[in-house]
Amino acid sequence: TTPDPGWASINRGVLICDECCSVHRSLGRHISIVKHLRHSPWPATLLQMVHTLASNGANSIWEHSLLDPAQVQSGRRKANPQDKVHPTKSEFIRAKYQMLA
């Protein structure tokens, strides 16, 4: 989750920042379909759906198995906004979406 999202992953129902957008794009459209929130055309219903999913915890669903204390892999933690994109955010995003796809 980002305080100032510029992008959305349509099929994941999450809002993403400019930095993380590049990682999502590198996953491929079969994993994450990325669209700019302000500079891309949006059908009103699709934009509303993404905002509804994002504000109602879609991100938590994707992170559940990664951060569940009973299943967590050694050393894994949620990336922070201050973390560098590579490797910290990139590895977390890949684990969160690519490995769970």
N, C-alpha and C. Protein backbone atom coordinates (compact mmCIF):
# COMPACT_ATOMS: atom_id res chain seq x y z
N THR A 1 0.85 -1.17 0.00
CA THR A 1 0.00 0.00 0.00
C THR A 1 0.89 1.23 0.00
N THR A 2 0.48 2.22 -0.75
CA THR A 2 1.27 3.43 -0.86
C THR A 2 0.40 4.65 -0.57
N PRO A 3 0.96 5.66 0.09
CA PRO A 3 0.16 6.85 0.42
C PRO A 3 -0.21 7.67 -0.82
N ASP A 4 0.58 7.59 -1.90
CA ASP A 4 0.32 8.38 -3.09
C ASP A 4 0.40 7.50 -4.34
N PRO A 5 -0.58 6.63 -4.54
CA PRO A 5 -0.50 5.72 -5.68
C PRO A 5 -0.73 6.45 -7.00
N GLY A 6 0.03 6.06 -8.00
CA GLY A 6 -0.17 6.61 -9.33
C GLY A 6 -0.68 5.56 -10.29
N TRP A 7 -0.66 4.31 -9.84
CA TRP A 7 -0.97 3.17 -10.70
C TRP A 7 -1.89 2.19 -9.97
N ALA A 8 -2.49 1.30 -10.76
CA ALA A 8 -3.29 0.22 -10.20
C ALA A 8 -2.98 -1.06 -10.95
N SER A 9 -3.01 -2.16 -10.24
CA SER A 9 -2.97 -3.47 -10.88
C SER A 9 -4.42 -3.91 -10.96
N ILE A 10 -4.95 -3.91 -12.16
CA ILE A 10 -6.38 -4.17 -12.36
C ILE A 10 -6.77 -5.56 -11.87
N ASN A 11 -6.02 -6.57 -12.25
CA ASN A 11 -6.41 -7.93 -11.90
C ASN A 11 -6.05 -8.32 -10.47
N ARG A 12 -5.26 -7.51 -9.78
CA ARG A 12 -4.93 -7.78 -8.38
C ARG A 12 -5.71 -6.90 -7.42
N GLY A 13 -6.30 -5.83 -7.96
CA GLY A 13 -7.13 -4.95 -7.12
C GLY A 13 -6.33 -4.16 -6.11
N VAL A 14 -5.10 -3.78 -6.48
CA VAL A 14 -4.25 -3.02 -5.57
C VAL A 14 -3.76 -1.75 -6.24
N LEU A 15 -3.48 -0.74 -5.42
CA LEU A 15 -2.91 0.51 -5.89
C LEU A 15 -1.41 0.47 -5.65
N ILE A 16 -0.63 0.99 -6.59
CA ILE A 16 0.83 0.90 -6.48
C ILE A 16 1.49 2.24 -6.82
N CYS A 17 2.69 2.42 -6.28
CA CYS A 17 3.46 3.65 -6.50
C CYS A 17 4.25 3.55 -7.81
N ASP A 18 4.85 4.67 -8.19
CA ASP A 18 5.65 4.71 -9.41
C ASP A 18 6.81 3.72 -9.36
N GLU A 19 7.49 3.63 -8.22
CA GLU A 19 8.63 2.71 -8.09
C GLU A 19 8.21 1.26 -8.31
N CYS A 20 7.15 0.86 -7.65
CA CYS A 20 6.73 -0.54 -7.71
C CYS A 20 6.06 -0.89 -9.04
N CYS A 21 5.62 0.12 -9.77
CA CYS A 21 5.01 -0.12 -11.07
C CYS A 21 5.96 -0.86 -12.00
N SER A 22 7.24 -0.49 -11.98
CA SER A 22 8.20 -1.15 -12.87
C SER A 22 8.34 -2.63 -12.54
N VAL A 23 8.27 -2.97 -11.27
CA VAL A 23 8.35 -4.38 -10.88
C VAL A 23 7.10 -5.12 -11.35
N HIS A 24 5.93 -4.53 -11.14
CA HIS A 24 4.68 -5.15 -11.59
C HIS A 24 4.71 -5.37 -13.10
N ARG A 25 5.17 -4.39 -13.85
CA ARG A 25 5.24 -4.53 -15.31
C ARG A 25 6.17 -5.68 -15.70
N SER A 26 7.26 -5.84 -14.98
CA SER A 26 8.22 -6.90 -15.31
C SER A 26 7.66 -8.30 -15.04
N LEU A 27 6.62 -8.39 -14.23
CA LEU A 27 6.00 -9.69 -13.95
C LEU A 27 5.25 -10.23 -15.16
N GLY A 28 4.83 -9.33 -16.04
CA GLY A 28 4.05 -9.71 -17.21
C GLY A 28 2.56 -9.52 -16.97
N ARG A 29 1.83 -9.31 -18.06
CA ARG A 29 0.40 -9.04 -17.97
C ARG A 29 -0.40 -10.24 -17.47
N HIS A 30 0.16 -11.43 -17.56
CA HIS A 30 -0.54 -12.60 -17.04
C HIS A 30 -0.52 -12.62 -15.51
N ILE A 31 0.36 -11.83 -14.90
CA ILE A 31 0.44 -11.74 -13.44
C ILE A 31 -0.18 -10.44 -12.94
N SER A 32 0.17 -9.31 -13.56
CA SER A 32 -0.29 -8.00 -13.08
C SER A 32 -0.54 -7.06 -14.26
N ILE A 33 -1.77 -6.66 -14.44
CA ILE A 33 -2.14 -5.72 -15.50
C ILE A 33 -2.14 -4.32 -14.89
N VAL A 34 -1.15 -3.52 -15.28
CA VAL A 34 -0.92 -2.21 -14.67
C VAL A 34 -1.51 -1.10 -15.54
N LYS A 35 -2.15 -0.15 -14.87
CA LYS A 35 -2.77 0.97 -15.57
C LYS A 35 -2.59 2.23 -14.72
N HIS A 36 -2.26 3.36 -15.38
CA HIS A 36 -2.07 4.63 -14.67
C HIS A 36 -3.43 5.14 -14.22
N LEU A 37 -3.49 5.66 -13.01
CA LEU A 37 -4.77 6.12 -12.45
C LEU A 37 -5.28 7.39 -13.09
N ARG A 38 -4.38 8.28 -13.52
CA ARG A 38 -4.82 9.57 -14.05
C ARG A 38 -4.64 9.72 -15.55
N HIS A 39 -3.67 9.04 -16.14
CA HIS A 39 -3.35 9.26 -17.55
C HIS A 39 -3.86 8.15 -18.47
N SER A 40 -4.59 7.22 -17.96
CA SER A 40 -5.16 6.15 -18.77
C SER A 40 -6.68 6.27 -18.76
N PRO A 41 -7.31 5.89 -19.86
CA PRO A 41 -8.79 5.90 -19.84
C PRO A 41 -9.31 4.75 -18.98
N TRP A 42 -10.30 5.04 -18.17
CA TRP A 42 -10.88 4.06 -17.26
C TRP A 42 -12.40 4.05 -17.42
N PRO A 43 -13.00 2.90 -17.63
CA PRO A 43 -14.46 2.83 -17.47
C PRO A 43 -14.76 3.10 -15.99
N ALA A 44 -15.76 3.89 -15.73
CA ALA A 44 -16.08 4.29 -14.35
C ALA A 44 -16.26 3.09 -13.43
N THR A 45 -16.90 2.04 -13.92
CA THR A 45 -17.14 0.86 -13.07
C THR A 45 -15.84 0.14 -12.71
N LEU A 46 -14.90 0.09 -13.65
CA LEU A 46 -13.62 -0.57 -13.38
C LEU A 46 -12.80 0.22 -12.37
N LEU A 47 -12.76 1.53 -12.52
CA LEU A 47 -12.04 2.37 -11.56
C LEU A 47 -12.65 2.25 -10.17
N GLN A 48 -13.97 2.25 -10.09
CA GLN A 48 -14.65 2.11 -8.80
C GLN A 48 -14.35 0.74 -8.18
N MET A 49 -14.33 -0.31 -9.01
CA MET A 49 -14.03 -1.65 -8.50
C MET A 49 -12.63 -1.71 -7.90
N VAL A 50 -11.64 -1.17 -8.61
CA VAL A 50 -10.26 -1.20 -8.11
C VAL A 50 -10.15 -0.42 -6.81
N HIS A 51 -10.76 0.76 -6.75
CA HIS A 51 -10.70 1.55 -5.50
C HIS A 51 -11.42 0.82 -4.36
N THR A 52 -12.52 0.16 -4.65
CA THR A 52 -13.25 -0.59 -3.62
C THR A 52 -12.41 -1.76 -3.11
N LEU A 53 -11.82 -2.52 -4.02
CA LEU A 53 -10.97 -3.64 -3.61
C LEU A 53 -9.77 -3.16 -2.80
N ALA A 54 -9.13 -2.11 -3.28
CA ALA A 54 -7.94 -1.59 -2.59
C ALA A 54 -8.28 -1.08 -1.19
N SER A 55 -9.39 -0.37 -1.07
CA SER A 55 -9.73 0.20 0.24
C SER A 55 -10.33 -0.82 1.19
N ASN A 56 -10.69 -1.99 0.67
CA ASN A 56 -11.26 -3.03 1.53
C ASN A 56 -10.30 -4.19 1.77
N GLY A 57 -9.02 -3.97 1.55
CA GLY A 57 -8.04 -4.96 1.98
C GLY A 57 -7.56 -5.97 0.98
N ALA A 58 -7.67 -5.72 -0.31
CA ALA A 58 -7.17 -6.68 -1.30
C ALA A 58 -5.69 -6.98 -1.06
N ASN A 59 -4.93 -5.96 -0.70
CA ASN A 59 -3.51 -6.13 -0.44
C ASN A 59 -3.27 -7.14 0.69
N SER A 60 -4.08 -7.10 1.71
CA SER A 60 -3.93 -8.02 2.85
C SER A 60 -4.16 -9.46 2.45
N ILE A 61 -5.04 -9.67 1.50
CA ILE A 61 -5.31 -11.03 1.02
C ILE A 61 -4.06 -11.60 0.36
N TRP A 62 -3.43 -10.80 -0.52
CA TRP A 62 -2.22 -11.26 -1.21
C TRP A 62 -1.06 -11.47 -0.25
N GLU A 63 -1.01 -10.70 0.82
CA GLU A 63 0.11 -10.80 1.77
C GLU A 63 -0.10 -11.84 2.85
N HIS A 64 -1.30 -12.34 3.00
CA HIS A 64 -1.62 -13.24 4.11
C HIS A 64 -0.66 -14.41 4.23
N SER A 65 -0.50 -15.18 3.16
CA SER A 65 0.34 -16.37 3.27
C SER A 65 1.82 -16.02 3.37
N LEU A 66 2.21 -14.83 2.91
CA LEU A 66 3.61 -14.42 3.03
C LEU A 66 3.97 -14.02 4.44
N LEU A 67 3.03 -13.39 5.13
CA LEU A 67 3.31 -12.83 6.44
C LEU A 67 2.69 -13.61 7.60
N ASP A 68 1.98 -14.68 7.32
CA ASP A 68 1.39 -15.52 8.35
C ASP A 68 2.51 -16.14 9.18
N PRO A 69 2.55 -15.86 10.49
CA PRO A 69 3.64 -16.39 11.34
C PRO A 69 3.79 -17.90 11.26
N ALA A 70 2.71 -18.62 11.01
CA ALA A 70 2.79 -20.08 10.95
C ALA A 70 3.44 -20.55 9.65
N GLN A 71 3.42 -19.69 8.61
CA GLN A 71 3.94 -20.11 7.31
C GLN A 71 5.11 -19.27 6.82
N VAL A 72 5.46 -18.23 7.56
CA VAL A 72 6.46 -17.27 7.08
C VAL A 72 7.82 -17.93 6.87
N GLN A 73 8.46 -17.58 5.76
CA GLN A 73 9.81 -18.08 5.50
C GLN A 73 10.78 -17.23 6.30
N SER A 74 11.87 -17.79 6.65
CA SER A 74 12.87 -17.11 7.47
C SER A 74 13.27 -15.76 6.86
N GLY A 75 13.17 -14.71 7.66
CA GLY A 75 13.63 -13.41 7.25
C GLY A 75 12.69 -12.59 6.40
N ARG A 76 11.55 -13.10 6.03
CA ARG A 76 10.65 -12.34 5.16
C ARG A 76 9.88 -11.32 5.97
N ARG A 77 9.84 -10.10 5.46
CA ARG A 77 9.06 -9.04 6.07
C ARG A 77 8.46 -8.20 4.96
N LYS A 78 7.43 -7.47 5.30
CA LYS A 78 6.79 -6.59 4.33
C LYS A 78 7.75 -5.45 4.01
N ALA A 79 7.84 -5.11 2.74
CA ALA A 79 8.69 -3.99 2.32
C ALA A 79 8.09 -2.68 2.83
N ASN A 80 8.97 -1.77 3.21
CA ASN A 80 8.56 -0.44 3.68
C ASN A 80 8.74 0.57 2.56
N PRO A 81 8.01 1.69 2.60
CA PRO A 81 8.19 2.72 1.57
C PRO A 81 9.63 3.21 1.45
N GLN A 82 10.38 3.18 2.56
CA GLN A 82 11.76 3.66 2.54
C GLN A 82 12.74 2.66 1.93
N ASP A 83 12.34 1.41 1.78
CA ASP A 83 13.22 0.38 1.23
C ASP A 83 13.54 0.67 -0.23
N LYS A 84 14.69 0.19 -0.67
CA LYS A 84 15.07 0.31 -2.07
C LYS A 84 14.22 -0.65 -2.90
N VAL A 85 13.99 -0.25 -4.15
CA VAL A 85 13.20 -1.11 -5.04
C VAL A 85 13.90 -2.45 -5.23
N HIS A 86 15.20 -2.41 -5.50
CA HIS A 86 15.97 -3.63 -5.70
C HIS A 86 16.99 -3.75 -4.58
N PRO A 87 17.03 -4.80 -3.86
CA PRO A 87 16.26 -6.02 -4.05
C PRO A 87 15.00 -6.11 -3.19
N THR A 88 14.86 -5.30 -2.16
CA THR A 88 13.84 -5.52 -1.14
C THR A 88 12.42 -5.50 -1.68
N LYS A 89 11.99 -4.40 -2.28
CA LYS A 89 10.61 -4.31 -2.77
C LYS A 89 10.37 -5.29 -3.91
N SER A 90 11.34 -5.40 -4.79
CA SER A 90 11.20 -6.29 -5.94
C SER A 90 10.99 -7.74 -5.50
N GLU A 91 11.79 -8.20 -4.56
CA GLU A 91 11.66 -9.58 -4.08
C GLU A 91 10.32 -9.80 -3.39
N PHE A 92 9.88 -8.82 -2.61
CA PHE A 92 8.61 -8.97 -1.91
C PHE A 92 7.45 -9.01 -2.90
N ILE A 93 7.47 -8.12 -3.89
CA ILE A 93 6.40 -8.09 -4.90
C ILE A 93 6.38 -9.39 -5.69
N ARG A 94 7.54 -9.88 -6.08
CA ARG A 94 7.59 -11.15 -6.83
C ARG A 94 7.04 -12.30 -5.99
N ALA A 95 7.41 -12.36 -4.74
CA ALA A 95 6.90 -13.43 -3.87
C ALA A 95 5.39 -13.29 -3.69
N LYS A 96 4.94 -12.08 -3.55
CA LYS A 96 3.54 -11.81 -3.27
C LYS A 96 2.63 -12.17 -4.44
N TYR A 97 3.04 -11.87 -5.66
CA TYR A 97 2.15 -12.08 -6.81
C TYR A 97 2.59 -13.20 -7.74
N GLN A 98 3.85 -13.23 -8.11
CA GLN A 98 4.30 -14.22 -9.07
C GLN A 98 4.26 -15.63 -8.51
N MET A 99 4.74 -15.79 -7.29
CA MET A 99 4.80 -17.12 -6.71
C MET A 99 3.43 -17.62 -6.24
N LEU A 100 2.50 -16.69 -6.05
CA LEU A 100 1.15 -17.08 -5.63
C LEU A 100 0.19 -17.18 -6.81
N ALA A 101 0.67 -16.86 -8.01
CA ALA A 101 -0.20 -16.86 -9.19
C ALA A 101 -0.57 -18.26 -9.60
